C-alpha atoms as a PDB file:
ATOM      1  CA  MET A   1      62.375 -24.163 -84.350  1.00  0.00           C
ATOM      2  CA  SER A   2      59.003 -22.467 -83.952  1.00  0.00           C
ATOM      3  CA  ALA A   3      56.088 -23.368 -86.156  1.00  0.00           C
ATOM      4  CA  GLU A   4      56.283 -19.971 -87.846  1.00  0.00           C
ATOM      5  CA  LEU A   5      59.963 -20.292 -88.671  1.00  0.00           C
ATOM      6  CA  HIS A   6      59.455 -23.919 -89.783  1.00  0.00           C
ATOM      7  CA  ARG A   7      56.751 -22.728 -92.169  1.00  0.00           C
ATOM      8  CA  LYS A   8      58.989 -19.965 -93.552  1.00  0.00           C
ATOM      9  CA  LEU A   9      61.814 -22.433 -94.120  1.00  0.00           C
ATOM     10  CA  ARG A  10      59.471 -24.773 -95.952  1.00  0.00           C
ATOM     11  CA  GLU A  11      58.265 -21.935 -98.187  1.00  0.00           C
ATOM     12  CA  LEU A  12      61.832 -20.881 -98.882  1.00  0.00           C
ATOM     13  CA  ALA A  13      62.770 -24.387 -99.957  1.00  0.00           C
ATOM     14  CA  GLY A  14      59.733 -24.515-102.265  1.00  0.00           C
ATOM     15  CA  ARG A  15      60.730 -21.225-103.912  1.00  0.00           C
ATOM     16  CA  TYR A  16      64.244 -22.501-104.407  1.00  0.00           C
ATOM     17  CA  ILE A  17      63.040 -25.666-106.164  1.00  0.00           C
ATOM     18  CA  LYS A  18      60.758 -23.672-108.447  1.00  0.00           C
ATOM     19  CA  GLY A  19      63.511 -21.212-109.325  1.00  0.00           C
ATOM     20  CA  LYS A  20      61.611 -18.281-107.766  1.00  0.00           C
ATOM     21  CA  ALA A  21      63.955 -17.561-104.843  1.00  0.00           C
ATOM     22  CA  SER A  22      65.780 -14.270-104.726  1.00  0.00           C
ATOM     23  CA  SER A  23      69.581 -14.176-104.861  1.00  0.00           C
ATOM     24  CA  GLU A  24      69.701 -13.650-101.078  1.00  0.00           C
ATOM     25  CA  GLU A  25      67.336 -16.557-100.447  1.00  0.00           C
ATOM     26  CA  ARG A  26      69.352 -18.836-102.781  1.00  0.00           C
ATOM     27  CA  GLU A  27      72.511 -17.940-100.885  1.00  0.00           C
ATOM     28  CA  VAL A  28      70.891 -18.760 -97.544  1.00  0.00           C
ATOM     29  CA  MET A  29      69.703 -22.178 -98.820  1.00  0.00           C
ATOM     30  CA  GLU A  30      73.125 -22.962-100.283  1.00  0.00           C
ATOM     31  CA  VAL A  31      74.937 -22.026 -97.103  1.00  0.00           C
ATOM     32  CA  TYR A  32      72.501 -24.201 -95.151  1.00  0.00           C
ATOM     33  CA  TYR A  33      73.160 -27.124 -97.509  1.00  0.00           C
ATOM     34  CA  GLU A  34      76.947 -26.677 -97.382  1.00  0.00           C
ATOM     35  CA  LEU A  35      76.976 -26.714 -93.605  1.00  0.00           C
ATOM     36  CA  PHE A  36      74.701 -29.615 -92.800  1.00  0.00           C
ATOM     37  CA  GLY A  37      72.879 -30.618 -95.940  1.00  0.00           C
ATOM     38  CA  ASP A  38      74.679 -33.957 -95.811  1.00  0.00           C
ATOM     39  CA  ALA A  39      72.929 -34.975 -92.625  1.00  0.00           C
ATOM     40  CA  PRO A  40      70.135 -37.531 -93.250  1.00  0.00           C
ATOM     41  CA  GLU A  41      67.519 -35.348 -91.609  1.00  0.00           C
ATOM     42  CA  VAL A  42      68.009 -32.306 -93.870  1.00  0.00           C
ATOM     43  CA  SER A  43      64.775 -32.973 -95.772  1.00  0.00           C
ATOM     44  CA  GLU A  44      62.841 -33.012 -92.537  1.00  0.00           C
ATOM     45  CA  ARG A  45      64.520 -29.766 -91.467  1.00  0.00           C
ATOM     46  CA  VAL A  46      63.270 -27.940 -94.522  1.00  0.00           C
ATOM     47  CA  GLY A  47      59.806 -29.220 -93.880  1.00  0.00           C
ATOM     48  CA  LEU A  48      59.710 -31.903 -96.577  1.00  0.00           C
ATOM     49  CA  ALA A  49      59.182 -34.957 -94.415  1.00  0.00           C
ATOM     50  CA  GLY A  50      57.262 -37.608 -96.245  1.00  0.00           C
ATOM     51  CA  GLU A  51      58.151 -36.008 -99.588  1.00  0.00           C
ATOM     52  CA  LYS A  52      61.459 -37.730-100.237  1.00  0.00           C
ATOM     53  CA  GLN A  53      61.510 -36.985-103.970  1.00  0.00           C
ATOM     54  CA  ILE A  54      61.060 -33.238-103.421  1.00  0.00           C
ATOM     55  CA  GLY A  55      63.765 -33.287-100.741  1.00  0.00           C
ATOM     56  CA  GLU A  56      66.168 -35.035-103.110  1.00  0.00           C
ATOM     57  CA  ASP A  57      65.264 -32.536-105.848  1.00  0.00           C
ATOM     58  CA  LEU A  58      66.117 -29.662-103.542  1.00  0.00           C
ATOM     59  CA  ARG A  59      69.420 -31.274-102.532  1.00  0.00           C
ATOM     60  CA  SER A  60      70.310 -32.018-106.126  1.00  0.00           C
ATOM     61  CA  ARG A  61      69.522 -28.498-107.340  1.00  0.00           C
ATOM     62  CA  ILE A  62      71.631 -26.923-104.618  1.00  0.00           C
ATOM     63  CA  HIS A  63      74.504 -29.344-105.148  1.00  0.00           C
ATOM     64  CA  ASN A  64      74.525 -28.751-108.924  1.00  0.00           C
ATOM     65  CA  ARG A  65      74.465 -24.998-108.404  1.00  0.00           C
ATOM     66  CA  ILE A  66      77.361 -25.030-105.889  1.00  0.00           C
ATOM     67  CA  HIS A  67      79.440 -27.850-107.434  1.00  0.00           C
ATOM     68  CA  PRO A  68      78.554 -28.160-111.169  1.00  0.00           C
ATOM     69  CA  GLY A  69      79.901 -31.357-112.665  1.00  0.00           C
ATOM     70  CA  ARG A  70      80.834 -32.973-109.358  1.00  0.00           C
ATOM     71  CA  PRO A  71      78.926 -36.204-108.565  1.00  0.00           C
ATOM     72  CA  GLN A  72      77.221 -36.503-105.211  1.00  0.00           C
ATOM     73  CA  SER A  73      78.660 -39.058-102.833  1.00  0.00           C
ATOM     74  CA  PRO A  74      76.517 -41.125-100.474  1.00  0.00           C
ATOM     75  CA  PHE A  75      75.843 -39.384 -97.182  1.00  0.00           C
ATOM     76  CA  TYR A  76      77.543 -42.164 -95.185  1.00  0.00           C
ATOM     77  CA  LEU A  77      80.876 -41.329 -96.879  1.00  0.00           C
ATOM     78  CA  ARG A  78      80.701 -37.651 -95.912  1.00  0.00           C
ATOM     79  CA  PRO A  79      82.266 -36.295 -92.724  1.00  0.00           C
ATOM     80  CA  TRP A  80      79.208 -34.410 -91.551  1.00  0.00           C
ATOM     81  CA  PHE A  81      78.880 -36.316 -88.291  1.00  0.00           C
ATOM     82  CA  SER A  82      82.220 -35.085 -86.811  1.00  0.00           C
ATOM     83  CA  ALA A  83      80.854 -31.604 -86.099  1.00  0.00           C
ATOM     84  CA  ALA A  84      77.106 -32.202 -86.470  1.00  0.00           C
ATOM     85  CA  ALA A  85      76.143 -30.873 -83.056  1.00  0.00           C
ATOM     86  CA  ALA A  86      78.119 -27.655 -83.264  1.00  0.00           C
ATOM     87  CA  VAL A  87      77.143 -26.995 -86.857  1.00  0.00           C
ATOM     88  CA  LEU A  88      73.501 -27.664 -86.111  1.00  0.00           C
ATOM     89  CA  VAL A  89      73.478 -25.144 -83.299  1.00  0.00           C
ATOM     90  CA  VAL A  90      75.268 -22.467 -85.290  1.00  0.00           C
ATOM     91  CA  CYS A  91      73.203 -22.955 -88.402  1.00  0.00           C
ATOM     92  CA  SER A  92      69.938 -23.139 -86.577  1.00  0.00           C
ATOM     93  CA  LEU A  93      70.734 -19.871 -84.816  1.00  0.00           C
ATOM     94  CA  ALA A  94      71.887 -18.233 -88.046  1.00  0.00           C
ATOM     95  CA  PHE A  95      68.843 -19.424 -89.956  1.00  0.00           C
ATOM     96  CA  ILE A  96      66.463 -18.306 -87.250  1.00  0.00           C
ATOM     97  CA  LEU A  97      68.100 -14.901 -87.147  1.00  0.00           C
ATOM     98  CA  TRP A  98      67.910 -14.552 -90.911  1.00  0.00           C
ATOM     99  CA  LEU A  99      64.255 -15.554 -90.995  1.00  0.00           C
ATOM    100  CA  GLN A 100      63.390 -13.287 -88.051  1.00  0.00           C
ATOM    101  CA  ARG A 101      65.243 -10.410 -89.698  1.00  0.00           C
ATOM    102  CA  ASP A 102      63.291 -11.036 -92.916  1.00  0.00           C
ATOM    103  CA  PHE A 103      60.034 -11.149 -91.024  1.00  0.00           C
ATOM    104  CA  THR A 104      60.927  -8.035 -89.038  1.00  0.00           C
ATOM    105  CA  SER A 105      61.940  -6.088 -92.166  1.00  0.00           C
ATOM    106  CA  LYS A 106      58.639  -6.932 -93.838  1.00  0.00           C
ATOM    107  CA  THR A 107      56.788  -5.863 -90.710  1.00  0.00           C
ATOM    108  CA  GLN A 108      58.723  -2.605 -90.644  1.00  0.00           C
ATOM    109  CA  ARG A 109      57.998  -2.008 -94.348  1.00  0.00           C
ATOM    110  CA  ALA A 110      54.339  -2.587 -93.664  1.00  0.00           C
ATOM    111  CA  SER A 111      54.363  -0.068 -90.799  1.00  0.00           C
ATOM    112  CA  VAL A 112      55.916   2.561 -93.107  1.00  0.00           C
ATOM    113  CA  GLN A 113      52.986   2.065 -95.467  1.00  0.00           C
ATOM    114  CA  LYS A 114      50.722   4.003 -93.130  1.00  0.00           C
ATOM    115  CA  ASP A 115      49.791   7.385 -94.596  1.00  0.00           C
ATOM    116  CA  LYS A 116      51.582  10.335 -92.948  1.00  0.00           C
ATOM    117  CA  GLN A 117      49.210  13.042 -91.810  1.00  0.00           C
ATOM    118  CA  TYR A 118      50.106  16.732 -91.477  1.00  0.00           C
ATOM    119  CA  PRO A 119      46.955  18.280 -89.978  1.00  0.00           C
ATOM    120  CA  ALA A 120      46.132  21.934 -90.325  1.00  0.00           C
ATOM    121  CA  ALA A 121      48.120  24.214 -88.021  1.00  0.00           C
ATOM    122  CA  PRO A 122      47.775  27.933 -87.194  1.00  0.00           C
ATOM    123  CA  TYR A 123      51.159  28.717 -88.747  1.00  0.00           C
ATOM    124  CA  THR A 124      52.968  28.105 -92.050  1.00  0.00           C
ATOM    125  CA  ARG A 125      55.564  25.333 -91.962  1.00  0.00           C
ATOM    126  CA  GLN A 126      58.050  23.637 -94.198  1.00  0.00           C
ATOM    127  CA  LEU A 127      57.945  19.835 -94.551  1.00  0.00           C
ATOM    128  CA  THR A 128      60.494  17.450 -95.996  1.00  0.00           C
ATOM    129  CA  LEU A 129      59.037  14.390 -97.727  1.00  0.00           C
ATOM    130  CA  PRO A 130      60.680  10.900 -97.873  1.00  0.00           C
ATOM    131  CA  ASP A 131      62.164  11.588-101.338  1.00  0.00           C
ATOM    132  CA  GLY A 132      63.727  14.892-100.282  1.00  0.00           C
ATOM    133  CA  SER A 133      61.021  17.072-101.817  1.00  0.00           C
ATOM    134  CA  SER A 134      60.021  20.035 -99.713  1.00  0.00           C
ATOM    135  CA  VAL A 135      56.515  21.423 -99.108  1.00  0.00           C
ATOM    136  CA  LEU A 136      55.724  24.830 -97.679  1.00  0.00           C
ATOM    137  CA  LEU A 137      52.303  24.231 -96.148  1.00  0.00           C
ATOM    138  CA  ARG A 138      50.220  27.315 -95.565  1.00  0.00           C
ATOM    139  CA  SER A 139      48.599  27.896 -92.187  1.00  0.00           C
ATOM    140  CA  GLY A 140      45.189  26.240 -91.980  1.00  0.00           C
ATOM    141  CA  SER A 141      46.079  23.722 -94.724  1.00  0.00           C
ATOM    142  CA  SER A 142      46.588  19.969 -94.382  1.00  0.00           C
ATOM    143  CA  LEU A 143      48.661  17.389 -96.277  1.00  0.00           C
ATOM    144  CA  THR A 144      48.561  13.609 -96.364  1.00  0.00           C
ATOM    145  CA  VAL A 145      51.501  11.607 -97.761  1.00  0.00           C
ATOM    146  CA  LEU A 146      50.112   8.449 -99.464  1.00  0.00           C
ATOM    147  CA  SER A 147      52.854   6.161 -98.230  1.00  0.00           C
ATOM    148  CA  SER A 148      51.043   3.013 -99.453  1.00  0.00           C
ATOM    149  CA  LEU A 149      51.674   4.104-103.075  1.00  0.00           C
ATOM    150  CA  TRP A 150      55.079   5.739-102.545  1.00  0.00           C
ATOM    151  CA  ASP A 151      57.119   2.962-104.226  1.00  0.00           C
ATOM    152  CA  LYS A 152      55.390   3.565-107.560  1.00  0.00           C
ATOM    153  CA  THR A 153      54.053   7.114-107.446  1.00  0.00           C
ATOM    154  CA  ARG A 154      54.870   9.822-104.975  1.00  0.00           C
ATOM    155  CA  GLY A 155      51.352  10.819-104.065  1.00  0.00           C
ATOM    156  CA  VAL A 156      49.996  13.407-101.620  1.00  0.00           C
ATOM    157  CA  ASN A 157      46.549  14.765-100.788  1.00  0.00           C
ATOM    158  CA  LEU A 158      46.288  18.524-100.252  1.00  0.00           C
ATOM    159  CA  VAL A 159      43.468  20.559 -98.710  1.00  0.00           C
ATOM    160  CA  GLY A 160      44.335  24.257 -98.708  1.00  0.00           C
ATOM    161  CA  GLU A 161      47.448  25.823-100.213  1.00  0.00           C
ATOM    162  CA  ALA A 162      51.073  24.740-100.515  1.00  0.00           C
ATOM    163  CA  TYR A 163      54.232  25.406-102.450  1.00  0.00           C
ATOM    164  CA  PHE A 164      56.072  22.276-103.682  1.00  0.00           C
ATOM    165  CA  ASP A 165      59.719  21.947-104.631  1.00  0.00           C
ATOM    166  CA  VAL A 166      59.868  18.396-106.012  1.00  0.00           C
ATOM    167  CA  SER A 167      63.011  16.309-106.289  1.00  0.00           C
ATOM    168  CA  PRO A 168      63.497  14.881-109.817  1.00  0.00           C
ATOM    169  CA  ASP A 169      62.714  11.160-110.254  1.00  0.00           C
ATOM    170  CA  ARG A 170      61.866   9.982-113.763  1.00  0.00           C
ATOM    171  CA  ARG A 171      60.778   6.575-112.489  1.00  0.00           C
ATOM    172  CA  ARG A 172      58.195   7.913-110.075  1.00  0.00           C
ATOM    173  CA  PRO A 173      55.947  10.867-110.909  1.00  0.00           C
ATOM    174  CA  PHE A 174      54.921  13.197-108.117  1.00  0.00           C
ATOM    175  CA  ILE A 175      51.144  13.545-107.915  1.00  0.00           C
ATOM    176  CA  VAL A 176      49.146  16.084-105.902  1.00  0.00           C
ATOM    177  CA  HIS A 177      45.544  15.000-105.376  1.00  0.00           C
ATOM    178  CA  THR A 178      43.032  17.793-104.751  1.00  0.00           C
ATOM    179  CA  GLY A 179      39.662  16.154-105.023  1.00  0.00           C
ATOM    180  CA  LYS A 180      38.957  15.222-108.642  1.00  0.00           C
ATOM    181  CA  ILE A 181      41.852  17.358-109.870  1.00  0.00           C
ATOM    182  CA  THR A 182      45.398  15.917-109.942  1.00  0.00           C
ATOM    183  CA  THR A 183      48.642  17.687-110.719  1.00  0.00           C
ATOM    184  CA  ARG A 184      51.380  15.415-112.022  1.00  0.00           C
ATOM    185  CA  VAL A 185      55.092  16.295-112.191  1.00  0.00           C
ATOM    186  CA  LEU A 186      58.526  14.673-112.400  1.00  0.00           C
ATOM    187  CA  GLY A 187      60.629  17.401-110.839  1.00  0.00           C
ATOM    188  CA  THR A 188      59.633  21.084-110.570  1.00  0.00           C
ATOM    189  CA  SER A 189      58.424  23.794-108.222  1.00  0.00           C
ATOM    190  CA  PHE A 190      54.826  25.051-108.211  1.00  0.00           C
ATOM    191  CA  ASN A 191      52.056  26.417-106.046  1.00  0.00           C
ATOM    192  CA  ILE A 192      48.615  24.858-105.615  1.00  0.00           C
ATOM    193  CA  ARG A 193      45.538  26.452-104.011  1.00  0.00           C
ATOM    194  CA  ALA A 194      42.664  24.053-103.405  1.00  0.00           C
ATOM    195  CA  TYR A 195      40.155  25.138-100.776  1.00  0.00           C
ATOM    196  CA  PRO A 196      36.832  23.233-100.828  1.00  0.00           C
ATOM    197  CA  HIS A 197      34.750  26.407-100.698  1.00  0.00           C
ATOM    198  CA  ASP A 198      36.547  27.892-103.802  1.00  0.00           C
ATOM    199  CA  ARG A 199      35.246  25.192-106.196  1.00  0.00           C
ATOM    200  CA  ILE A 200      38.455  25.578-108.230  1.00  0.00           C
ATOM    201  CA  VAL A 201      42.024  24.334-108.030  1.00  0.00           C
ATOM    202  CA  ALA A 202      44.605  26.969-108.948  1.00  0.00           C
ATOM    203  CA  VAL A 203      48.085  25.846-110.099  1.00  0.00           C
ATOM    204  CA  ALA A 204      51.014  28.156-110.816  1.00  0.00           C
ATOM    205  CA  VAL A 205      54.490  26.951-111.914  1.00  0.00           C
ATOM    206  CA  SER A 206      57.806  28.469-110.842  1.00  0.00           C
ATOM    207  CA  SER A 207      60.052  26.043-112.719  1.00  0.00           C
ATOM    208  CA  GLY A 208      59.706  22.932-114.906  1.00  0.00           C
ATOM    209  CA  SER A 209      56.284  21.826-116.114  1.00  0.00           C
ATOM    210  CA  VAL A 210      53.205  20.113-114.711  1.00  0.00           C
ATOM    211  CA  ARG A 211      50.173  18.247-116.070  1.00  0.00           C
ATOM    212  CA  VAL A 212      46.774  19.157-114.641  1.00  0.00           C
ATOM    213  CA  GLU A 213      44.240  16.352-114.958  1.00  0.00           C
ATOM    214  CA  LYS A 214      40.689  15.634-113.926  1.00  0.00           C
ATOM    215  CA  GLU A 215      39.780  12.025-113.325  1.00  0.00           C
ATOM    216  CA  GLY A 216      42.522  10.909-115.726  1.00  0.00           C
ATOM    217  CA  ARG A 217      41.650  13.390-118.491  1.00  0.00           C
ATOM    218  CA  LEU A 218      44.335  15.990-119.388  1.00  0.00           C
ATOM    219  CA  LEU A 219      43.123  19.563-118.820  1.00  0.00           C
ATOM    220  CA  THR A 220      46.318  21.480-119.508  1.00  0.00           C
ATOM    221  CA  VAL A 221      50.127  21.475-119.328  1.00  0.00           C
ATOM    222  CA  LEU A 222      51.699  24.385-117.492  1.00  0.00           C
ATOM    223  CA  THR A 223      55.317  25.569-117.862  1.00  0.00           C
ATOM    224  CA  LYS A 224      57.439  28.166-115.993  1.00  0.00           C
ATOM    225  CA  ASN A 225      55.547  31.317-114.967  1.00  0.00           C
ATOM    226  CA  LYS A 226      52.207  29.929-116.200  1.00  0.00           C
ATOM    227  CA  GLN A 227      49.093  29.349-114.181  1.00  0.00           C
ATOM    228  CA  ALA A 228      45.574  27.963-114.578  1.00  0.00           C
ATOM    229  CA  GLU A 229      42.432  27.520-112.574  1.00  0.00           C
ATOM    230  CA  ALA A 230      40.764  24.146-112.950  1.00  0.00           C
ATOM    231  CA  PRO A 231      37.119  24.249-111.970  1.00  0.00           C
ATOM    232  CA  LEU A 232      35.516  21.207-110.358  1.00  0.00           C
ATOM    233  CA  ALA A 233      32.767  21.535-112.962  1.00  0.00           C
ATOM    234  CA  ALA A 234      33.415  20.393-116.555  1.00  0.00           C
ATOM    235  CA  LEU A 235      34.623  23.692-117.988  1.00  0.00           C
ATOM    236  CA  PRO A 236      37.566  24.574-120.279  1.00  0.00           C
ATOM    237  CA  VAL A 237      40.935  25.340-118.641  1.00  0.00           C
ATOM    238  CA  GLU A 238      43.058  28.168-119.993  1.00  0.00           C
ATOM    239  CA  ALA A 239      46.731  28.684-119.195  1.00  0.00           C
ATOM    240  CA  ARG A 240      47.857  32.261-118.675  1.00  0.00           C
ATOM    241  CA  SER A 241      50.878  34.167-117.404  1.00  0.00           C
ATOM    242  CA  ALA A 242      51.584  34.054-113.688  1.00  0.00           C
ATOM    243  CA  ASP A 243      53.079  36.691-111.455  1.00  0.00           C
ATOM    244  CA  MET A 244      54.832  34.265-109.116  1.00  0.00           C
ATOM    245  CA  LYS A 245      55.784  36.982-106.671  1.00  0.00           C
ATOM    246  CA  LYS A 246      52.100  37.747-106.224  1.00  0.00           C
ATOM    247  CA  VAL A 247      51.055  34.100-106.214  1.00  0.00           C
ATOM    248  CA  LEU A 248      53.583  33.309-103.482  1.00  0.00           C
ATOM    249  CA  GLY A 249      52.898  36.431-101.450  1.00  0.00           C
ATOM    250  CA  TRP A 250      51.406  34.278 -98.711  1.00  0.00           C
ATOM    251  CA  ALA A 251      54.677  32.362 -98.309  1.00  0.00           C
ATOM    252  CA  GLY A 252      56.572  35.360 -97.001  1.00  0.00           C
ATOM    253  CA  ALA A 253      53.720  37.088 -95.204  1.00  0.00           C
ATOM    254  CA  ASP A 254      55.062  36.050 -91.786  1.00  0.00           C
ATOM    255  CA  MET A 255      58.721  36.332 -92.728  1.00  0.00           C
ATOM    256  CA  ASN A 256      59.258  40.110 -92.430  1.00  0.00           C
ATOM    257  CA  PHE A 257      60.732  41.331 -89.180  1.00  0.00           C
ATOM    258  CA  GLU A 258      61.540  44.704 -87.649  1.00  0.00           C
ATOM    259  CA  GLU A 259      63.722  45.088 -84.579  1.00  0.00           C
ATOM    260  CA  ILE A 260      62.898  41.652 -83.168  1.00  0.00           C
ATOM    261  CA  ARG A 261      65.233  39.680 -80.917  1.00  0.00           C
ATOM    262  CA  PHE A 262      67.214  36.820 -82.454  1.00  0.00           C
ATOM    263  CA  SER A 263      65.549  34.517 -79.864  1.00  0.00           C
ATOM    264  CA  GLU A 264      62.058  35.478 -81.175  1.00  0.00           C
ATOM    265  CA  LEU A 265      63.106  34.725 -84.727  1.00  0.00           C
ATOM    266  CA  ALA A 266      64.559  31.378 -83.596  1.00  0.00           C
ATOM    267  CA  GLU A 267      61.197  30.416 -82.012  1.00  0.00           C
ATOM    268  CA  HIS A 268      59.407  31.305 -85.260  1.00  0.00           C
ATOM    269  CA  LEU A 269      61.871  29.215 -87.300  1.00  0.00           C
ATOM    270  CA  ASN A 270      61.510  26.313 -84.882  1.00  0.00           C
ATOM    271  CA  ARG A 271      57.811  26.094 -85.668  1.00  0.00           C
ATOM    272  CA  ARG A 272      58.176  26.756 -89.398  1.00  0.00           C
ATOM    273  CA  TYR A 273      60.971  24.247 -90.034  1.00  0.00           C
ATOM    274  CA  GLY A 274      60.350  21.751 -87.238  1.00  0.00           C
ATOM    275  CA  VAL A 275      63.768  22.241 -85.640  1.00  0.00           C
ATOM    276  CA  HIS A 276      65.279  23.253 -82.330  1.00  0.00           C
ATOM    277  CA  ILE A 277      67.713  26.188 -82.494  1.00  0.00           C
ATOM    278  CA  ARG A 278      70.297  26.659 -79.748  1.00  0.00           C
ATOM    279  CA  PHE A 279      72.620  29.638 -79.308  1.00  0.00           C
ATOM    280  CA  VAL A 280      76.109  28.495 -78.433  1.00  0.00           C
ATOM    281  CA  ASN A 281      76.825  32.067 -77.359  1.00  0.00           C
ATOM    282  CA  PRO A 282      73.724  32.941 -75.271  1.00  0.00           C
ATOM    283  CA  GLU A 283      74.259  36.671 -75.800  1.00  0.00           C
ATOM    284  CA  LEU A 284      73.305  36.279 -79.449  1.00  0.00           C
ATOM    285  CA  ALA A 285      69.682  35.681 -78.373  1.00  0.00           C
ATOM    286  CA  ASN A 286      69.285  39.367 -77.487  1.00  0.00           C
ATOM    287  CA  CYS A 287      70.636  40.724 -80.777  1.00  0.00           C
ATOM    288  CA  ARG A 288      67.953  42.544 -82.795  1.00  0.00           C
ATOM    289  CA  LEU A 289      67.189  42.023 -86.469  1.00  0.00           C
ATOM    290  CA  THR A 290      65.300  43.822 -89.211  1.00  0.00           C
ATOM    291  CA  GLY A 291      64.701  42.185 -92.580  1.00  0.00           C
ATOM    292  CA  GLY A 292      62.590  39.825 -94.605  1.00  0.00           C
ATOM    293  CA  PHE A 293      62.611  36.611 -96.600  1.00  0.00           C
ATOM    294  CA  ARG A 294      60.574  35.280 -99.543  1.00  0.00           C
ATOM    295  CA  GLY A 295      59.350  32.406 -97.380  1.00  0.00           C
ATOM    296  CA  THR A 296      60.234  29.641 -99.874  1.00  0.00           C
ATOM    297  CA  GLU A 297      63.878  29.375 -98.741  1.00  0.00           C
ATOM    298  CA  SER A 298      65.234  26.169 -97.324  1.00  0.00           C
ATOM    299  CA  LEU A 299      66.519  26.278 -93.695  1.00  0.00           C
ATOM    300  CA  SER A 300      70.099  26.164 -94.964  1.00  0.00           C
ATOM    301  CA  GLU A 301      69.512  29.100 -97.352  1.00  0.00           C
ATOM    302  CA  LEU A 302      67.893  31.178 -94.624  1.00  0.00           C
ATOM    303  CA  LEU A 303      70.623  30.444 -92.031  1.00  0.00           C
ATOM    304  CA  GLY A 304      73.263  31.229 -94.655  1.00  0.00           C
ATOM    305  CA  THR A 305      71.751  34.660 -95.227  1.00  0.00           C
ATOM    306  CA  LEU A 306      71.567  35.289 -91.467  1.00  0.00           C
ATOM    307  CA  SER A 307      75.216  34.214 -91.094  1.00  0.00           C
ATOM    308  CA  LEU A 308      76.268  36.879 -93.622  1.00  0.00           C
ATOM    309  CA  THR A 309      74.245  39.650 -92.028  1.00  0.00           C
ATOM    310  CA  MET A 310      74.882  38.746 -88.388  1.00  0.00           C
ATOM    311  CA  ASN A 311      78.460  37.458 -88.760  1.00  0.00           C
ATOM    312  CA  THR A 312      77.524  34.088 -87.232  1.00  0.00           C
ATOM    313  CA  THR A 313      78.086  30.445 -88.036  1.00  0.00           C
ATOM    314  CA  TYR A 314      75.624  27.566 -87.872  1.00  0.00           C
ATOM    315  CA  SER A 315      75.485  23.773 -87.971  1.00  0.00           C
ATOM    316  CA  ILE A 316      72.552  21.432 -88.641  1.00  0.00           C
ATOM    317  CA  GLN A 317      72.393  17.898 -87.305  1.00  0.00           C
ATOM    318  CA  GLY A 318      69.012  16.348 -87.990  1.00  0.00           C
ATOM    319  CA  ASN A 319      66.506  18.718 -86.350  1.00  0.00           C
ATOM    320  CA  GLN A 320      69.120  20.236 -84.080  1.00  0.00           C
ATOM    321  CA  VAL A 321      70.572  23.623 -85.096  1.00  0.00           C
ATOM    322  CA  GLU A 322      73.423  25.491 -83.362  1.00  0.00           C
ATOM    323  CA  ILE A 323      74.210  29.146 -84.022  1.00  0.00           C
ATOM    324  CA  ASP A 324      77.432  30.714 -82.792  1.00  0.00           C
ATOM    325  CA  GLY A 325      79.228  34.026 -83.131  1.00  0.00           C
ATOM    326  CA  GLU A 326      80.380  37.111 -81.350  1.00  0.00           C
ATOM    327  CA  SER A 327      77.988  39.209 -79.327  1.00  0.00           C
ATOM    328  CA  CYS A 328      76.327  42.065 -81.135  1.00  0.00           C
ATOM    329  CA  HIS A 329      77.315  45.588 -80.243  1.00  0.00           C
END
């Protein structure tokens, strides 16, 4: 057993004795004890050599938990030795695998903690966040997902403009950081404009409600079809009615088409939604379309509309999209 695994096993035994082990850790220790805890060297195996009293305490606690009310018999009366070699190999391998899995999972969790960067791009795109919330990020804008805080608060940093459709989660508020101004929600849809040169942060709500704060101080609460502009300077904030169609005009600015080929629209959607569209029937690529979209639709909503107008079908698997149907006439 490597020094690292030996140390982990010793720490696990210590947590068990102190009653601080998780249910999974307790189960591992108890299985270990049941399989070869009767062997005389078990205390050494859990890293308690020279600390006989602690080793006996560990053994006693595990025994009482597994077999309450049953007295312990001396180790020399127990039939551990008949399969000691085989059990030792199996248990050692199992224990090493468990400890390595635990170490790997913690390493993987740590790697996930890195903030996710969406740098500015020359086109508008739709992003899906880890909680299922969607963000329509305007061209030239950037977003950072604060993964290190995601377990407690779903936080993002925005520079530019974006439309958010937030998945409800009462345990974890969704917070958009724009310099000193923060917008806090539980589940709603809203638009935020926060360009550094504007010296204001403009928030407009499509559904639900949001709290607009500055350095922890509440500035205003906005509800459906309300908007406010929060200045970076210490000035009053007034909520007023919002024309959401006008506010979100930018979202559909590049979603109006006239007599374009289906293949051109597919390339545009590939960039916008981060997918790869394939035509099962290649002749569909040359069909021409005229129409427009709001720009805030999900990919499924948009493809559903296209299916009705083009008499096609579609399927989505991850970021792979297939469109099929009869050739246009």
